[in-house]
Amino acid sequence: MNGAEVLTPLLDGLDILGLAIFALTGALLAAKLRQTFVTMAFFALVTGVGGGTVRDLLIGAPVFWMTDPWVAAICLATALIAWFTPTRWWEGKLLDYADGAGLTAYAVIGSAKALSYGVPPVPAALMGVITGCVGGIIRDVVAGRPSIIMRPELYVTAAAVSAALTAGGMALGIANPLVWGAAFLSGFAVRSAAIRWQIALPSYHESAEN
């Protein structure tokens, strides 16, 4: 593959979905902390673009939101929506499911873009995980709260499923729209199951010494 973008209408849709959802989670966190609109806009931006920025720097691509004028605009618009709506509208499981959709959409985008820049499948899958998770990590660190990746609940695993299926399917030459759609739905199913039934991976327990 060359360094050209691999964006199609399907990936464009996943990209906008992930960006808007992550920006919303950032803005809502700032709202719950009773911050100003400027802070809400900042949280929306860093949450929306954080993972993609790290990915682009690692794969040697132009940082996506520096060349696309719509990215910052979408983050700002999302912050405005959060500013003018009560936080109670966004509470409950609905936002968790939406965040899961954004997570897995970004995982697909990240892996597909890394492959388009000549990154091998395994590192490309890791780029998908980074794209999906880093924005939320930055959001939580700036807010001074424990990150969701520090909980045993399936989160990074869902991103890894989407990223691995994307990288593996594209490497095998399977039709891209089929790969992307299946990868997104599979990862989202894993995340949704974790939310619905609180599925978690076993945590580490050191064996007691004799």
C-alpha atoms as a PDB file:
ATOM      1  CA  MET A   1       0.000   0.000   0.000  1.00  0.00           C
ATOM      2  CA  ASN A   2       1.043   3.594  -0.457  1.00  0.00           C
ATOM      3  CA  GLY A   3       0.671   6.410   2.029  1.00  0.00           C
ATOM      4  CA  ALA A   4      -2.674   7.541   0.678  1.00  0.00           C
ATOM      5  CA  GLU A   5      -5.707   7.657   2.904  1.00  0.00           C
ATOM      6  CA  VAL A   6      -8.013   4.653   2.798  1.00  0.00           C
ATOM      7  CA  LEU A   7     -11.121   6.603   3.707  1.00  0.00           C
ATOM      8  CA  THR A   8     -14.353   5.549   2.055  1.00  0.00           C
ATOM      9  CA  PRO A   9     -17.929   6.537   2.964  1.00  0.00           C
ATOM     10  CA  LEU A  10     -17.996   3.680   5.505  1.00  0.00           C
ATOM     11  CA  LEU A  11     -14.756   4.735   7.194  1.00  0.00           C
ATOM     12  CA  ASP A  12     -15.776   8.380   6.979  1.00  0.00           C
ATOM     13  CA  GLY A  13     -18.951   7.500   8.855  1.00  0.00           C
ATOM     14  CA  LEU A  14     -17.063   5.537  11.509  1.00  0.00           C
ATOM     15  CA  ASP A  15     -14.576   8.388  11.848  1.00  0.00           C
ATOM     16  CA  ILE A  16     -17.268  11.006  12.463  1.00  0.00           C
ATOM     17  CA  LEU A  17     -19.078   8.647  14.848  1.00  0.00           C
ATOM     18  CA  GLY A  18     -15.982   8.031  16.937  1.00  0.00           C
ATOM     19  CA  LEU A  19     -14.932  11.672  16.941  1.00  0.00           C
ATOM     20  CA  ALA A  20     -18.325  13.017  18.007  1.00  0.00           C
ATOM     21  CA  ILE A  21     -18.854  10.415  20.733  1.00  0.00           C
ATOM     22  CA  PHE A  22     -15.422  10.821  22.282  1.00  0.00           C
ATOM     23  CA  ALA A  23     -15.687  14.602  22.111  1.00  0.00           C
ATOM     24  CA  LEU A  24     -19.035  14.351  23.887  1.00  0.00           C
ATOM     25  CA  THR A  25     -17.638  12.188  26.680  1.00  0.00           C
ATOM     26  CA  GLY A  26     -14.863  14.722  27.222  1.00  0.00           C
ATOM     27  CA  ALA A  27     -17.228  17.681  27.282  1.00  0.00           C
ATOM     28  CA  LEU A  28     -19.643  15.912  29.625  1.00  0.00           C
ATOM     29  CA  LEU A  29     -16.885  15.073  32.076  1.00  0.00           C
ATOM     30  CA  ALA A  30     -15.917  18.742  32.199  1.00  0.00           C
ATOM     31  CA  ALA A  31     -19.583  19.660  32.648  1.00  0.00           C
ATOM     32  CA  LYS A  32     -19.941  17.283  35.588  1.00  0.00           C
ATOM     33  CA  LEU A  33     -16.878  18.936  37.114  1.00  0.00           C
ATOM     34  CA  ARG A  34     -18.647  22.330  36.704  1.00  0.00           C
ATOM     35  CA  GLN A  35     -16.006  23.727  34.369  1.00  0.00           C
ATOM     36  CA  THR A  36     -16.239  26.673  31.953  1.00  0.00           C
ATOM     37  CA  PHE A  37     -17.159  26.310  28.298  1.00  0.00           C
ATOM     38  CA  VAL A  38     -13.527  26.827  27.306  1.00  0.00           C
ATOM     39  CA  THR A  39     -12.532  23.858  29.454  1.00  0.00           C
ATOM     40  CA  MET A  40     -15.388  21.792  28.032  1.00  0.00           C
ATOM     41  CA  ALA A  41     -14.225  22.584  24.498  1.00  0.00           C
ATOM     42  CA  PHE A  42     -10.654  21.649  25.447  1.00  0.00           C
ATOM     43  CA  PHE A  43     -11.787  18.318  26.919  1.00  0.00           C
ATOM     44  CA  ALA A  44     -13.889  17.631  23.823  1.00  0.00           C
ATOM     45  CA  LEU A  45     -10.913  18.282  21.541  1.00  0.00           C
ATOM     46  CA  VAL A  46      -8.258  16.300  23.400  1.00  0.00           C
ATOM     47  CA  THR A  47     -10.604  13.355  23.914  1.00  0.00           C
ATOM     48  CA  GLY A  48     -11.698  13.357  20.287  1.00  0.00           C
ATOM     49  CA  VAL A  49      -8.284  13.698  18.668  1.00  0.00           C
ATOM     50  CA  GLY A  50      -5.863  12.340  21.284  1.00  0.00           C
ATOM     51  CA  GLY A  51      -5.633   8.760  20.056  1.00  0.00           C
ATOM     52  CA  GLY A  52      -5.523   9.688  16.384  1.00  0.00           C
ATOM     53  CA  THR A  53      -2.802  12.249  17.030  1.00  0.00           C
ATOM     54  CA  VAL A  54      -0.544   9.711  18.730  1.00  0.00           C
ATOM     55  CA  ARG A  55      -1.230   7.208  15.919  1.00  0.00           C
ATOM     56  CA  ASP A  56      -0.370   9.691  13.178  1.00  0.00           C
ATOM     57  CA  LEU A  57       2.852  10.731  14.897  1.00  0.00           C
ATOM     58  CA  LEU A  58       3.906   7.096  15.254  1.00  0.00           C
ATOM     59  CA  ILE A  59       3.156   6.080  11.652  1.00  0.00           C
ATOM     60  CA  GLY A  60       4.595   9.244  10.102  1.00  0.00           C
ATOM     61  CA  ALA A  61       1.313  10.586   8.758  1.00  0.00           C
ATOM     62  CA  PRO A  62       0.134  14.219   8.792  1.00  0.00           C
ATOM     63  CA  VAL A  63      -1.789  14.749  12.024  1.00  0.00           C
ATOM     64  CA  PHE A  64      -5.348  14.332  10.797  1.00  0.00           C
ATOM     65  CA  TRP A  65      -7.039  17.196  12.572  1.00  0.00           C
ATOM     66  CA  MET A  66      -4.414  19.689  11.399  1.00  0.00           C
ATOM     67  CA  THR A  67      -5.391  19.088   7.778  1.00  0.00           C
ATOM     68  CA  ASP A  68      -9.137  18.499   8.145  1.00  0.00           C
ATOM     69  CA  PRO A  69     -11.000  21.705   9.101  1.00  0.00           C
ATOM     70  CA  TRP A  70     -14.104  19.755  10.151  1.00  0.00           C
ATOM     71  CA  VAL A  71     -12.519  17.905  13.062  1.00  0.00           C
ATOM     72  CA  ALA A  72     -12.073  20.842  15.431  1.00  0.00           C
ATOM     73  CA  ALA A  73     -15.448  22.195  14.309  1.00  0.00           C
ATOM     74  CA  ILE A  74     -17.184  18.926  15.230  1.00  0.00           C
ATOM     75  CA  CYS A  75     -15.495  18.923  18.649  1.00  0.00           C
ATOM     76  CA  LEU A  76     -16.573  22.536  19.252  1.00  0.00           C
ATOM     77  CA  ALA A  77     -20.140  21.801  18.142  1.00  0.00           C
ATOM     78  CA  THR A  78     -20.255  18.793  20.442  1.00  0.00           C
ATOM     79  CA  ALA A  79     -19.062  20.922  23.345  1.00  0.00           C
ATOM     80  CA  LEU A  80     -21.837  23.400  22.572  1.00  0.00           C
ATOM     81  CA  ILE A  81     -24.415  20.609  22.666  1.00  0.00           C
ATOM     82  CA  ALA A  82     -23.107  19.489  26.051  1.00  0.00           C
ATOM     83  CA  TRP A  83     -23.083  23.091  27.305  1.00  0.00           C
ATOM     84  CA  PHE A  84     -26.740  23.692  26.440  1.00  0.00           C
ATOM     85  CA  THR A  85     -28.145  20.354  27.610  1.00  0.00           C
ATOM     86  CA  PRO A  86     -28.560  19.007  31.159  1.00  0.00           C
ATOM     87  CA  THR A  87     -26.026  16.337  32.054  1.00  0.00           C
ATOM     88  CA  ARG A  88     -28.889  14.096  33.223  1.00  0.00           C
ATOM     89  CA  TRP A  89     -29.868  13.656  29.561  1.00  0.00           C
ATOM     90  CA  TRP A  90     -26.637  11.772  29.018  1.00  0.00           C
ATOM     91  CA  GLU A  91     -26.523   9.669  32.172  1.00  0.00           C
ATOM     92  CA  GLY A  92     -27.066   5.938  32.300  1.00  0.00           C
ATOM     93  CA  LYS A  93     -26.038   3.097  30.034  1.00  0.00           C
ATOM     94  CA  LEU A  94     -26.800   4.883  26.756  1.00  0.00           C
ATOM     95  CA  LEU A  95     -23.611   6.933  26.915  1.00  0.00           C
ATOM     96  CA  ASP A  96     -21.629   3.802  27.799  1.00  0.00           C
ATOM     97  CA  TYR A  97     -22.920   2.055  24.686  1.00  0.00           C
ATOM     98  CA  ALA A  98     -22.207   5.157  22.607  1.00  0.00           C
ATOM     99  CA  ASP A  99     -18.673   5.278  23.996  1.00  0.00           C
ATOM    100  CA  GLY A 100     -18.275   1.618  23.033  1.00  0.00           C
ATOM    101  CA  ALA A 101     -19.331   2.449  19.489  1.00  0.00           C
ATOM    102  CA  GLY A 102     -16.802   5.266  19.349  1.00  0.00           C
ATOM    103  CA  LEU A 103     -14.084   3.044  20.790  1.00  0.00           C
ATOM    104  CA  THR A 104     -14.509   0.292  18.221  1.00  0.00           C
ATOM    105  CA  ALA A 105     -15.033   2.709  15.336  1.00  0.00           C
ATOM    106  CA  TYR A 106     -11.729   4.381  16.135  1.00  0.00           C
ATOM    107  CA  ALA A 107     -10.017   0.997  16.477  1.00  0.00           C
ATOM    108  CA  VAL A 108     -11.088   0.121  12.933  1.00  0.00           C
ATOM    109  CA  ILE A 109     -10.036   3.531  11.592  1.00  0.00           C
ATOM    110  CA  GLY A 110      -6.662   3.383  13.321  1.00  0.00           C
ATOM    111  CA  SER A 111      -5.739  -0.058  12.038  1.00  0.00           C
ATOM    112  CA  ALA A 112      -6.903   0.652   8.499  1.00  0.00           C
ATOM    113  CA  LYS A 113      -4.969   3.904   8.324  1.00  0.00           C
ATOM    114  CA  ALA A 114      -1.810   2.333   9.724  1.00  0.00           C
ATOM    115  CA  LEU A 115      -1.975  -0.419   7.106  1.00  0.00           C
ATOM    116  CA  SER A 116      -2.415   2.202   4.373  1.00  0.00           C
ATOM    117  CA  TYR A 117       0.903   3.718   5.462  1.00  0.00           C
ATOM    118  CA  GLY A 118       2.726   0.409   5.127  1.00  0.00           C
ATOM    119  CA  VAL A 119       2.682  -0.598   8.796  1.00  0.00           C
ATOM    120  CA  PRO A 120       2.723  -4.421   9.219  1.00  0.00           C
ATOM    121  CA  PRO A 121      -0.490  -6.061  10.507  1.00  0.00           C
ATOM    122  CA  VAL A 122       0.501  -6.577  14.161  1.00  0.00           C
ATOM    123  CA  PRO A 123       1.749  -3.018  14.764  1.00  0.00           C
ATOM    124  CA  ALA A 124      -1.213  -1.766  12.721  1.00  0.00           C
ATOM    125  CA  ALA A 125      -3.575  -3.538  15.114  1.00  0.00           C
ATOM    126  CA  LEU A 126      -1.799  -1.877  18.023  1.00  0.00           C
ATOM    127  CA  MET A 127      -2.284   1.467  16.300  1.00  0.00           C
ATOM    128  CA  GLY A 128      -5.991   0.712  16.271  1.00  0.00           C
ATOM    129  CA  VAL A 129      -5.976   0.113  20.016  1.00  0.00           C
ATOM    130  CA  ILE A 130      -4.029   3.318  20.579  1.00  0.00           C
ATOM    131  CA  THR A 131      -6.450   5.278  18.409  1.00  0.00           C
ATOM    132  CA  GLY A 132      -9.408   3.964  20.366  1.00  0.00           C
ATOM    133  CA  CYS A 133      -8.032   4.275  23.897  1.00  0.00           C
ATOM    134  CA  VAL A 134      -5.539   7.123  24.203  1.00  0.00           C
ATOM    135  CA  GLY A 135      -8.038   9.976  23.931  1.00  0.00           C
ATOM    136  CA  GLY A 136      -9.974   8.631  26.898  1.00  0.00           C
ATOM    137  CA  ILE A 137      -6.759   8.113  28.845  1.00  0.00           C
ATOM    138  CA  ILE A 138      -5.742  11.734  28.282  1.00  0.00           C
ATOM    139  CA  ARG A 139      -9.222  12.891  29.319  1.00  0.00           C
ATOM    140  CA  ASP A 140      -9.097  10.935  32.569  1.00  0.00           C
ATOM    141  CA  VAL A 141      -5.536  11.963  33.426  1.00  0.00           C
ATOM    142  CA  VAL A 142      -6.283  15.655  32.890  1.00  0.00           C
ATOM    143  CA  ALA A 143      -9.454  15.302  34.990  1.00  0.00           C
ATOM    144  CA  GLY A 144      -7.489  13.583  37.752  1.00  0.00           C
ATOM    145  CA  ARG A 145      -9.605  10.442  37.859  1.00  0.00           C
ATOM    146  CA  PRO A 146      -8.735   6.742  37.411  1.00  0.00           C
ATOM    147  CA  SER A 147      -8.818   5.745  33.754  1.00  0.00           C
ATOM    148  CA  ILE A 148     -11.314   3.180  32.507  1.00  0.00           C
ATOM    149  CA  ILE A 149      -8.420   1.040  31.279  1.00  0.00           C
ATOM    150  CA  MET A 150      -7.479   0.458  34.927  1.00  0.00           C
ATOM    151  CA  ARG A 151     -10.753  -1.385  35.505  1.00  0.00           C
ATOM    152  CA  PRO A 152     -11.042  -5.118  34.714  1.00  0.00           C
ATOM    153  CA  GLU A 153     -14.203  -4.515  32.661  1.00  0.00           C
ATOM    154  CA  LEU A 154     -13.683  -5.354  28.969  1.00  0.00           C
ATOM    155  CA  TYR A 155     -12.684  -2.102  27.265  1.00  0.00           C
ATOM    156  CA  VAL A 156      -9.244  -2.331  25.702  1.00  0.00           C
ATOM    157  CA  THR A 157     -10.176  -5.912  24.786  1.00  0.00           C
ATOM    158  CA  ALA A 158     -13.078  -4.665  22.664  1.00  0.00           C
ATOM    159  CA  ALA A 159     -10.766  -2.261  20.845  1.00  0.00           C
ATOM    160  CA  ALA A 160      -8.258  -5.063  20.354  1.00  0.00           C
ATOM    161  CA  VAL A 161     -10.913  -7.315  18.802  1.00  0.00           C
ATOM    162  CA  SER A 162     -11.893  -4.650  16.260  1.00  0.00           C
ATOM    163  CA  ALA A 163      -8.295  -3.709  15.536  1.00  0.00           C
ATOM    164  CA  ALA A 164      -7.101  -7.301  15.122  1.00  0.00           C
ATOM    165  CA  LEU A 165      -9.976  -8.235  12.815  1.00  0.00           C
ATOM    166  CA  THR A 166      -9.356  -5.137  10.712  1.00  0.00           C
ATOM    167  CA  ALA A 167      -5.636  -5.736  10.379  1.00  0.00           C
ATOM    168  CA  GLY A 168      -6.006  -9.463   9.825  1.00  0.00           C
ATOM    169  CA  GLY A 169      -8.859  -9.198   7.342  1.00  0.00           C
ATOM    170  CA  MET A 170      -7.190  -6.501   5.266  1.00  0.00           C
ATOM    171  CA  ALA A 171      -3.880  -8.393   5.285  1.00  0.00           C
ATOM    172  CA  LEU A 172      -5.708 -11.457   3.950  1.00  0.00           C
ATOM    173  CA  GLY A 173      -7.201  -9.421   1.130  1.00  0.00           C
ATOM    174  CA  ILE A 174     -10.832  -9.736   2.216  1.00  0.00           C
ATOM    175  CA  ALA A 175     -13.078  -6.999   0.819  1.00  0.00           C
ATOM    176  CA  ASN A 176     -12.459  -3.914   2.923  1.00  0.00           C
ATOM    177  CA  PRO A 177     -16.087  -2.881   3.579  1.00  0.00           C
ATOM    178  CA  LEU A 178     -16.848  -6.403   4.811  1.00  0.00           C
ATOM    179  CA  VAL A 179     -13.788  -6.415   7.055  1.00  0.00           C
ATOM    180  CA  TRP A 180     -14.491  -2.966   8.506  1.00  0.00           C
ATOM    181  CA  GLY A 181     -18.162  -3.667   9.142  1.00  0.00           C
ATOM    182  CA  ALA A 182     -17.507  -7.046  10.755  1.00  0.00           C
ATOM    183  CA  ALA A 183     -14.645  -5.679  12.848  1.00  0.00           C
ATOM    184  CA  PHE A 184     -16.742  -2.792  14.145  1.00  0.00           C
ATOM    185  CA  LEU A 185     -19.737  -4.980  14.975  1.00  0.00           C
ATOM    186  CA  SER A 186     -17.595  -7.646  16.664  1.00  0.00           C
ATOM    187  CA  GLY A 187     -15.786  -5.194  18.900  1.00  0.00           C
ATOM    188  CA  PHE A 188     -19.007  -3.371  19.714  1.00  0.00           C
ATOM    189  CA  ALA A 189     -20.661  -6.678  20.615  1.00  0.00           C
ATOM    190  CA  VAL A 190     -17.841  -7.442  23.050  1.00  0.00           C
ATOM    191  CA  ARG A 191     -18.098  -4.009  24.655  1.00  0.00           C
ATOM    192  CA  SER A 192     -21.892  -4.164  24.808  1.00  0.00           C
ATOM    193  CA  ALA A 193     -21.789  -7.569  26.486  1.00  0.00           C
ATOM    194  CA  ALA A 194     -19.326  -6.208  29.045  1.00  0.00           C
ATOM    195  CA  ILE A 195     -21.665  -3.298  29.804  1.00  0.00           C
ATOM    196  CA  ARG A 196     -24.790  -5.438  29.938  1.00  0.00           C
ATOM    197  CA  TRP A 197     -23.429  -8.296  32.038  1.00  0.00           C
ATOM    198  CA  GLN A 198     -20.370  -6.616  33.607  1.00  0.00           C
ATOM    199  CA  ILE A 199     -18.007  -9.094  32.003  1.00  0.00           C
ATOM    200  CA  ALA A 200     -14.403  -8.623  33.053  1.00  0.00           C
ATOM    201  CA  LEU A 201     -11.073 -10.325  32.562  1.00  0.00           C
ATOM    202  CA  PRO A 202      -9.580 -12.010  35.630  1.00  0.00           C
ATOM    203  CA  SER A 203      -7.190  -9.736  37.489  1.00  0.00           C
ATOM    204  CA  TYR A 204      -3.695 -10.704  38.569  1.00  0.00           C
ATOM    205  CA  HIS A 205      -3.346 -12.414  41.940  1.00  0.00           C
ATOM    206  CA  GLU A 206       0.104 -13.274  43.184  1.00  0.00           C
ATOM    207  CA  SER A 207       0.326 -16.752  44.626  1.00  0.00           C
ATOM    208  CA  ALA A 208       0.745 -16.866  48.372  1.00  0.00           C
ATOM    209  CA  GLU A 209       4.206 -17.829  49.446  1.00  0.00           C
ATOM    210  CA  ASN A 210       4.565 -21.130  51.260  1.00  0.00           C
END
